[in-house]
Each structure stands twice: as structure tokens, then as C-alpha cells.
PDB file of all heavy atoms in Angstrom:
ATOM      1  N   VAL A   1     -14.624  -5.995 -17.396  1.00  0.00           N
ATOM      2  CA  VAL A   1     -13.725  -7.162 -17.480  1.00  0.00           C
ATOM      3  C   VAL A   1     -12.269  -6.716 -17.324  1.00  0.00           C
ATOM      4  O   VAL A   1     -11.485  -7.363 -16.607  1.00  0.00           O
ATOM      5  CB  VAL A   1     -13.941  -7.876 -18.832  1.00  0.00           C
ATOM      6  CG1 VAL A   1     -12.844  -8.944 -19.039  1.00  0.00           C
ATOM      7  CG2 VAL A   1     -15.296  -8.523 -18.878  1.00  0.00           C
ATOM      8  N   ALA A   2     -11.904  -5.603 -17.966  1.00  0.00           N
ATOM      9  CA  ALA A   2     -10.531  -5.100 -17.828  1.00  0.00           C
ATOM     10  C   ALA A   2     -10.234  -4.765 -16.368  1.00  0.00           C
ATOM     11  O   ALA A   2      -9.136  -5.027 -15.877  1.00  0.00           O
ATOM     12  CB  ALA A   2     -10.346  -3.874 -18.719  1.00  0.00           C
ATOM     13  N   GLY A   3     -11.202  -4.201 -15.683  1.00  0.00           N
ATOM     14  CA  GLY A   3     -10.971  -3.868 -14.272  1.00  0.00           C
ATOM     15  C   GLY A   3     -10.852  -5.114 -13.387  1.00  0.00           C
ATOM     16  O   GLY A   3     -10.022  -5.162 -12.494  1.00  0.00           O
ATOM     17  N   ALA A   4     -11.682  -6.123 -13.702  1.00  0.00           N
ATOM     18  CA  ALA A   4     -11.661  -7.343 -12.899  1.00  0.00           C
ATOM     19  C   ALA A   4     -10.325  -8.070 -13.022  1.00  0.00           C
ATOM     20  O   ALA A   4      -9.772  -8.560 -12.016  1.00  0.00           O
ATOM     21  CB  ALA A   4     -12.802  -8.265 -13.298  1.00  0.00           C
ATOM     22  N   VAL A   5      -9.793  -8.152 -14.236  1.00  0.00           N
ATOM     23  CA  VAL A   5      -8.542  -8.909 -14.433  1.00  0.00           C
ATOM     24  C   VAL A   5      -7.327  -8.079 -14.063  1.00  0.00           C
ATOM     25  O   VAL A   5      -6.240  -8.613 -13.835  1.00  0.00           O
ATOM     26  CB  VAL A   5      -8.423  -9.401 -15.877  1.00  0.00           C
ATOM     27  CG1 VAL A   5      -9.574 -10.316 -16.229  1.00  0.00           C
ATOM     28  CG2 VAL A   5      -8.363  -8.232 -16.859  1.00  0.00           C
ATOM     29  N   GLY A   6      -7.473  -6.749 -14.015  1.00  0.00           N
ATOM     30  CA  GLY A   6      -6.313  -5.907 -13.732  1.00  0.00           C
ATOM     31  C   GLY A   6      -6.264  -5.323 -12.348  1.00  0.00           C
ATOM     32  O   GLY A   6      -5.300  -4.613 -12.014  1.00  0.00           O
ATOM     33  N   GLN A   7      -7.272  -5.620 -11.514  1.00  0.00           N
ATOM     34  CA  GLN A   7      -7.323  -4.963 -10.224  1.00  0.00           C
ATOM     35  C   GLN A   7      -6.154  -5.348  -9.303  1.00  0.00           C
ATOM     36  O   GLN A   7      -5.677  -4.516  -8.538  1.00  0.00           O
ATOM     37  CB  GLN A   7      -8.642  -5.286  -9.518  1.00  0.00           C
ATOM     38  CG  GLN A   7      -8.877  -6.768  -9.231  1.00  0.00           C
ATOM     39  CD  GLN A   7     -10.147  -6.998  -8.461  1.00  0.00           C
ATOM     40  OE1 GLN A   7     -10.503  -6.240  -7.552  1.00  0.00           O
ATOM     41  NE2 GLN A   7     -10.883  -8.050  -8.819  1.00  0.00           N
ATOM     42  N   TYR A   8      -5.678  -6.584  -9.415  1.00  0.00           N
ATOM     43  CA  TYR A   8      -4.613  -6.996  -8.520  1.00  0.00           C
ATOM     44  C   TYR A   8      -3.266  -6.401  -8.930  1.00  0.00           C
ATOM     45  O   TYR A   8      -2.341  -6.300  -8.112  1.00  0.00           O
ATOM     46  CB  TYR A   8      -4.516  -8.525  -8.480  1.00  0.00           C
ATOM     47  CG  TYR A   8      -5.765  -9.150  -7.935  1.00  0.00           C
ATOM     48  CD1 TYR A   8      -6.642  -9.848  -8.780  1.00  0.00           C
ATOM     49  CD2 TYR A   8      -6.102  -9.041  -6.588  1.00  0.00           C
ATOM     50  CE1 TYR A   8      -7.805 -10.431  -8.283  1.00  0.00           C
ATOM     51  CE2 TYR A   8      -7.265  -9.620  -6.095  1.00  0.00           C
ATOM     52  CZ  TYR A   8      -8.089 -10.304  -6.940  1.00  0.00           C
ATOM     53  OH  TYR A   8      -9.255 -10.848  -6.448  1.00  0.00           O
ATOM     54  N   ALA A   9      -3.150  -5.997 -10.194  1.00  0.00           N
ATOM     55  CA  ALA A   9      -1.906  -5.379 -10.652  1.00  0.00           C
ATOM     56  C   ALA A   9      -1.736  -3.967 -10.119  1.00  0.00           C
ATOM     57  O   ALA A   9      -0.605  -3.465 -10.031  1.00  0.00           O
ATOM     58  CB  ALA A   9      -1.848  -5.371 -12.175  1.00  0.00           C
ATOM     59  N   VAL A  10      -2.861  -3.300  -9.776  1.00  0.00           N
ATOM     60  CA  VAL A  10      -2.786  -1.930  -9.281  1.00  0.00           C
ATOM     61  C   VAL A  10      -3.214  -1.838  -7.817  1.00  0.00           C
ATOM     62  O   VAL A  10      -3.399  -0.721  -7.316  1.00  0.00           O
ATOM     63  CB  VAL A  10      -3.662  -1.001 -10.148  1.00  0.00           C
ATOM     64  CG1 VAL A  10      -3.166  -0.951 -11.581  1.00  0.00           C
ATOM     65  CG2 VAL A  10      -5.134  -1.427 -10.104  1.00  0.00           C
ATOM     66  N   SER A  11      -3.374  -2.967  -7.151  1.00  0.00           N
ATOM     67  CA  SER A  11      -3.764  -2.975  -5.739  1.00  0.00           C
ATOM     68  C   SER A  11      -2.597  -3.454  -4.887  1.00  0.00           C
ATOM     69  O   SER A  11      -1.753  -4.221  -5.325  1.00  0.00           O
ATOM     70  CB  SER A  11      -4.971  -3.887  -5.524  1.00  0.00           C
ATOM     71  OG  SER A  11      -6.083  -3.468  -6.287  1.00  0.00           O
ATOM     72  N   THR A  12      -2.598  -2.999  -3.653  1.00  0.00           N
ATOM     73  CA  THR A  12      -1.572  -3.430  -2.715  1.00  0.00           C
ATOM     74  C   THR A  12      -2.205  -3.673  -1.356  1.00  0.00           C
ATOM     75  O   THR A  12      -3.163  -2.998  -0.965  1.00  0.00           O
ATOM     76  CB  THR A  12      -0.464  -2.362  -2.578  1.00  0.00           C
ATOM     77  OG1 THR A  12       0.488  -2.793  -1.605  1.00  0.00           O
ATOM     78  CG2 THR A  12      -1.045  -1.030  -2.124  1.00  0.00           C
ATOM     79  N   ASP A  13      -1.662  -4.657  -0.663  1.00  0.00           N
ATOM     80  CA  ASP A  13      -2.098  -4.915   0.707  1.00  0.00           C
ATOM     81  C   ASP A  13      -1.155  -4.288   1.732  1.00  0.00           C
ATOM     82  O   ASP A  13      -1.277  -4.525   2.919  1.00  0.00           O
ATOM     83  CB  ASP A  13      -2.202  -6.425   0.961  1.00  0.00           C
ATOM     84  CG  ASP A  13      -0.882  -7.140   0.619  1.00  0.00           C
ATOM     85  OD1 ASP A  13       0.054  -6.482   0.154  1.00  0.00           O
ATOM     86  OD2 ASP A  13      -0.837  -8.356   0.791  1.00  0.00           O
ATOM     87  N   ASP A  14      -0.227  -3.504   1.233  1.00  0.00           N
ATOM     88  CA  ASP A  14       0.746  -2.841   2.102  1.00  0.00           C
ATOM     89  C   ASP A  14       0.122  -1.544   2.628  1.00  0.00           C
ATOM     90  O   ASP A  14       0.327  -0.457   2.075  1.00  0.00           O
ATOM     91  CB  ASP A  14       2.024  -2.541   1.313  1.00  0.00           C
ATOM     92  CG  ASP A  14       3.123  -1.941   2.183  1.00  0.00           C
ATOM     93  OD1 ASP A  14       2.918  -1.825   3.407  1.00  0.00           O
ATOM     94  OD2 ASP A  14       4.171  -1.561   1.639  1.00  0.00           O
ATOM     95  N   THR A  15      -0.678  -1.652   3.688  1.00  0.00           N
ATOM     96  CA  THR A  15      -1.407  -0.495   4.196  1.00  0.00           C
ATOM     97  C   THR A  15      -0.484   0.543   4.834  1.00  0.00           C
ATOM     98  O   THR A  15      -0.873   1.721   4.950  1.00  0.00           O
ATOM     99  CB  THR A  15      -2.444  -0.937   5.237  1.00  0.00           C
ATOM    100  OG1 THR A  15      -1.795  -1.678   6.275  1.00  0.00           O
ATOM    101  CG2 THR A  15      -3.499  -1.831   4.586  1.00  0.00           C
ATOM    102  N   ALA A  16       0.712   0.152   5.214  1.00  0.00           N
ATOM    103  CA  ALA A  16       1.617   1.091   5.842  1.00  0.00           C
ATOM    104  C   ALA A  16       2.020   2.235   4.909  1.00  0.00           C
ATOM    105  O   ALA A  16       2.278   3.361   5.347  1.00  0.00           O
ATOM    106  CB  ALA A  16       2.867   0.400   6.355  1.00  0.00           C
ATOM    107  N   ARG A  17       2.023   1.946   3.610  1.00  0.00           N
ATOM    108  CA  ARG A  17       2.444   2.992   2.667  1.00  0.00           C
ATOM    109  C   ARG A  17       1.411   4.113   2.555  1.00  0.00           C
ATOM    110  O   ARG A  17       1.695   5.187   2.051  1.00  0.00           O
ATOM    111  CB  ARG A  17       2.709   2.412   1.302  1.00  0.00           C
ATOM    112  CG  ARG A  17       1.481   1.936   0.558  1.00  0.00           C
ATOM    113  CD  ARG A  17       1.831   1.550  -0.874  1.00  0.00           C
ATOM    114  NE  ARG A  17       2.878   0.543  -0.893  1.00  0.00           N
ATOM    115  CZ  ARG A  17       3.571   0.247  -1.982  1.00  0.00           C
ATOM    116  NH1 ARG A  17       3.349   0.911  -3.106  1.00  0.00           N
ATOM    117  NH2 ARG A  17       4.482  -0.683  -1.953  1.00  0.00           N
ATOM    118  N   PHE A  18       0.178   3.851   3.026  1.00  0.00           N
ATOM    119  CA  PHE A  18      -0.849   4.888   2.986  1.00  0.00           C
ATOM    120  C   PHE A  18      -0.820   5.789   4.216  1.00  0.00           C
ATOM    121  O   PHE A  18      -1.544   6.775   4.271  1.00  0.00           O
ATOM    122  CB  PHE A  18      -2.230   4.238   2.886  1.00  0.00           C
ATOM    123  CG  PHE A  18      -2.446   3.438   1.617  1.00  0.00           C
ATOM    124  CD1 PHE A  18      -2.643   2.073   1.663  1.00  0.00           C
ATOM    125  CD2 PHE A  18      -2.421   4.070   0.383  1.00  0.00           C
ATOM    126  CE1 PHE A  18      -2.830   1.343   0.497  1.00  0.00           C
ATOM    127  CE2 PHE A  18      -2.609   3.361  -0.784  1.00  0.00           C
ATOM    128  CZ  PHE A  18      -2.812   1.987  -0.716  1.00  0.00           C
ATOM    129  N   LEU A  19      -0.010   5.433   5.202  1.00  0.00           N
ATOM    130  CA  LEU A  19       0.050   6.209   6.429  1.00  0.00           C
ATOM    131  C   LEU A  19       0.862   7.485   6.226  1.00  0.00           C
ATOM    132  O   LEU A  19       1.718   7.559   5.353  1.00  0.00           O
ATOM    133  CB  LEU A  19       0.668   5.376   7.549  1.00  0.00           C
ATOM    134  CG  LEU A  19      -0.136   4.136   7.992  1.00  0.00           C
ATOM    135  CD1 LEU A  19       0.697   3.298   8.960  1.00  0.00           C
ATOM    136  CD2 LEU A  19      -1.440   4.547   8.627  1.00  0.00           C
ATOM    137  N   PRO A  20       0.604   8.510   7.048  1.00  0.00           N
ATOM    138  CA  PRO A  20       1.431   9.723   6.984  1.00  0.00           C
ATOM    139  C   PRO A  20       2.885   9.392   7.261  1.00  0.00           C
ATOM    140  O   PRO A  20       3.205   8.401   7.939  1.00  0.00           O
ATOM    141  CB  PRO A  20       0.840  10.614   8.075  1.00  0.00           C
ATOM    142  CG  PRO A  20      -0.553  10.111   8.279  1.00  0.00           C
ATOM    143  CD  PRO A  20      -0.508   8.644   8.006  1.00  0.00           C
ATOM    144  N   SER A  21       3.778  10.211   6.746  1.00  0.00           N
ATOM    145  CA  SER A  21       5.221   9.933   6.876  1.00  0.00           C
ATOM    146  C   SER A  21       5.685   9.929   8.311  1.00  0.00           C
ATOM    147  O   SER A  21       6.714   9.318   8.614  1.00  0.00           O
ATOM    148  CB  SER A  21       6.012  10.976   6.070  1.00  0.00           C
ATOM    149  OG  SER A  21       5.718  12.282   6.523  1.00  0.00           O
ATOM    150  N   ASP A  22       4.965  10.584   9.228  1.00  0.00           N
ATOM    151  CA  ASP A  22       5.405  10.631  10.612  1.00  0.00           C
ATOM    152  C   ASP A  22       4.800   9.503  11.454  1.00  0.00           C
ATOM    153  O   ASP A  22       5.036   9.433  12.653  1.00  0.00           O
ATOM    154  CB  ASP A  22       5.044  11.968  11.241  1.00  0.00           C
ATOM    155  CG  ASP A  22       3.554  12.268  11.176  1.00  0.00           C
ATOM    156  OD1 ASP A  22       2.828  11.555  10.452  1.00  0.00           O
ATOM    157  OD2 ASP A  22       3.100  13.222  11.849  1.00  0.00           O
ATOM    158  N   ALA A  23       4.043   8.601  10.814  1.00  0.00           N
ATOM    159  CA  ALA A  23       3.462   7.475  11.562  1.00  0.00           C
ATOM    160  C   ALA A  23       4.564   6.477  11.920  1.00  0.00           C
ATOM    161  O   ALA A  23       5.431   6.170  11.096  1.00  0.00           O
ATOM    162  CB  ALA A  23       2.371   6.785  10.743  1.00  0.00           C
ATOM    163  N   SER A  24       4.538   6.000  13.149  1.00  0.00           N
ATOM    164  CA  SER A  24       5.617   5.121  13.632  1.00  0.00           C
ATOM    165  C   SER A  24       5.697   3.815  12.854  1.00  0.00           C
ATOM    166  O   SER A  24       6.786   3.326  12.554  1.00  0.00           O
ATOM    167  CB  SER A  24       5.422   4.839  15.111  1.00  0.00           C
ATOM    168  OG  SER A  24       4.158   4.225  15.344  1.00  0.00           O
ATOM    169  N   SER A  25       4.556   3.253  12.474  1.00  0.00           N
ATOM    170  CA  SER A  25       4.575   1.970  11.756  1.00  0.00           C
ATOM    171  C   SER A  25       5.170   2.149  10.361  1.00  0.00           C
ATOM    172  O   SER A  25       5.874   1.269   9.860  1.00  0.00           O
ATOM    173  CB  SER A  25       3.164   1.400  11.648  1.00  0.00           C
ATOM    174  OG  SER A  25       2.293   2.302  11.026  1.00  0.00           O
ATOM    175  N   ARG A  26       4.940   3.292   9.711  1.00  0.00           N
ATOM    176  CA  ARG A  26       5.527   3.524   8.418  1.00  0.00           C
ATOM    177  C   ARG A  26       7.035   3.745   8.557  1.00  0.00           C
ATOM    178  O   ARG A  26       7.812   3.262   7.724  1.00  0.00           O
ATOM    179  CB  ARG A  26       4.880   4.737   7.749  1.00  0.00           C
ATOM    180  CG  ARG A  26       5.508   5.067   6.376  1.00  0.00           C
ATOM    181  CD  ARG A  26       4.694   6.026   5.595  1.00  0.00           C
ATOM    182  NE  ARG A  26       5.295   6.325   4.312  1.00  0.00           N
ATOM    183  CZ  ARG A  26       4.737   7.064   3.365  1.00  0.00           C
ATOM    184  NH1 ARG A  26       3.537   7.555   3.550  1.00  0.00           N
ATOM    185  NH2 ARG A  26       5.353   7.272   2.206  1.00  0.00           N
ATOM    186  N   GLN A  27       7.433   4.442   9.566  1.00  0.00           N
ATOM    187  CA  GLN A  27       8.875   4.646   9.793  1.00  0.00           C
ATOM    188  C   GLN A  27       9.570   3.321  10.058  1.00  0.00           C
ATOM    189  O   GLN A  27      10.683   3.075   9.579  1.00  0.00           O
ATOM    190  CB  GLN A  27       9.090   5.623  10.953  1.00  0.00           C
ATOM    191  CG  GLN A  27       8.615   7.038  10.661  1.00  0.00           C
ATOM    192  CD  GLN A  27       8.705   7.961  11.857  1.00  0.00           C
ATOM    193  OE1 GLN A  27       9.002   7.506  12.960  1.00  0.00           O
ATOM    194  NE2 GLN A  27       8.461   9.242  11.631  1.00  0.00           N
ATOM    195  N   ALA A  28       8.902   2.456  10.819  1.00  0.00           N
ATOM    196  CA  ALA A  28       9.500   1.121  11.104  1.00  0.00           C
ATOM    197  C   ALA A  28       9.624   0.320   9.817  1.00  0.00           C
ATOM    198  O   ALA A  28      10.628  -0.376   9.613  1.00  0.00           O
ATOM    199  CB  ALA A  28       8.641   0.396  12.129  1.00  0.00           C
ATOM    200  N   LEU A  29       8.616   0.419   8.948  1.00  0.00           N
ATOM    201  CA  LEU A  29       8.666  -0.305   7.687  1.00  0.00           C
ATOM    202  C   LEU A  29       9.833   0.208   6.816  1.00  0.00           C
ATOM    203  O   LEU A  29      10.554  -0.576   6.213  1.00  0.00           O
ATOM    204  CB  LEU A  29       7.357  -0.154   6.934  1.00  0.00           C
ATOM    205  CG  LEU A  29       7.277  -0.829   5.584  1.00  0.00           C
ATOM    206  CD1 LEU A  29       7.387  -2.336   5.725  1.00  0.00           C
ATOM    207  CD2 LEU A  29       5.962  -0.477   4.878  1.00  0.00           C
ATOM    208  N   GLU A  30      10.002   1.508   6.780  1.00  0.00           N
ATOM    209  CA  GLU A  30      11.091   2.075   5.982  1.00  0.00           C
ATOM    210  C   GLU A  30      12.437   1.652   6.532  1.00  0.00           C
ATOM    211  O   GLU A  30      13.383   1.382   5.773  1.00  0.00           O
ATOM    212  CB  GLU A  30      10.963   3.598   5.950  1.00  0.00           C
ATOM    213  CG  GLU A  30       9.744   4.065   5.157  1.00  0.00           C
ATOM    214  CD  GLU A  30       9.570   5.575   5.216  1.00  0.00           C
ATOM    215  OE1 GLU A  30      10.302   6.233   6.014  1.00  0.00           O
ATOM    216  OE2 GLU A  30       8.713   6.122   4.488  1.00  0.00           O
ATOM    217  N   ILE A  31      12.590   1.601   7.852  1.00  0.00           N
ATOM    218  CA  ILE A  31      13.833   1.117   8.439  1.00  0.00           C
ATOM    219  C   ILE A  31      14.085  -0.335   8.081  1.00  0.00           C
ATOM    220  O   ILE A  31      15.216  -0.740   7.751  1.00  0.00           O
ATOM    221  CB  ILE A  31      13.800   1.299   9.975  1.00  0.00           C
ATOM    222  CG1 ILE A  31      13.796   2.781  10.339  1.00  0.00           C
ATOM    223  CG2 ILE A  31      14.979   0.594  10.639  1.00  0.00           C
ATOM    224  CD1 ILE A  31      13.616   3.053  11.821  1.00  0.00           C
TER     225      ILE A  31
END
């Protein structure tokens, strides 16, 4: 139950942040 109600607090749909630092899409997001 704790996991079900708390999953959105520790989840993100920002997939660019998982990319390596040299990925162009992540660099564009940082800019």
C-alpha cells in the first residue's frame, strides 16, 4: 500500500534525465 500511494512521488516521466550527459537531447533540455 505504501508503494502504491507513494510511487508517483518518486517517479518521473522526464526520460531525458536518464540519458548520458553527452546525449544531444539531454544537452538540449539543459539548455
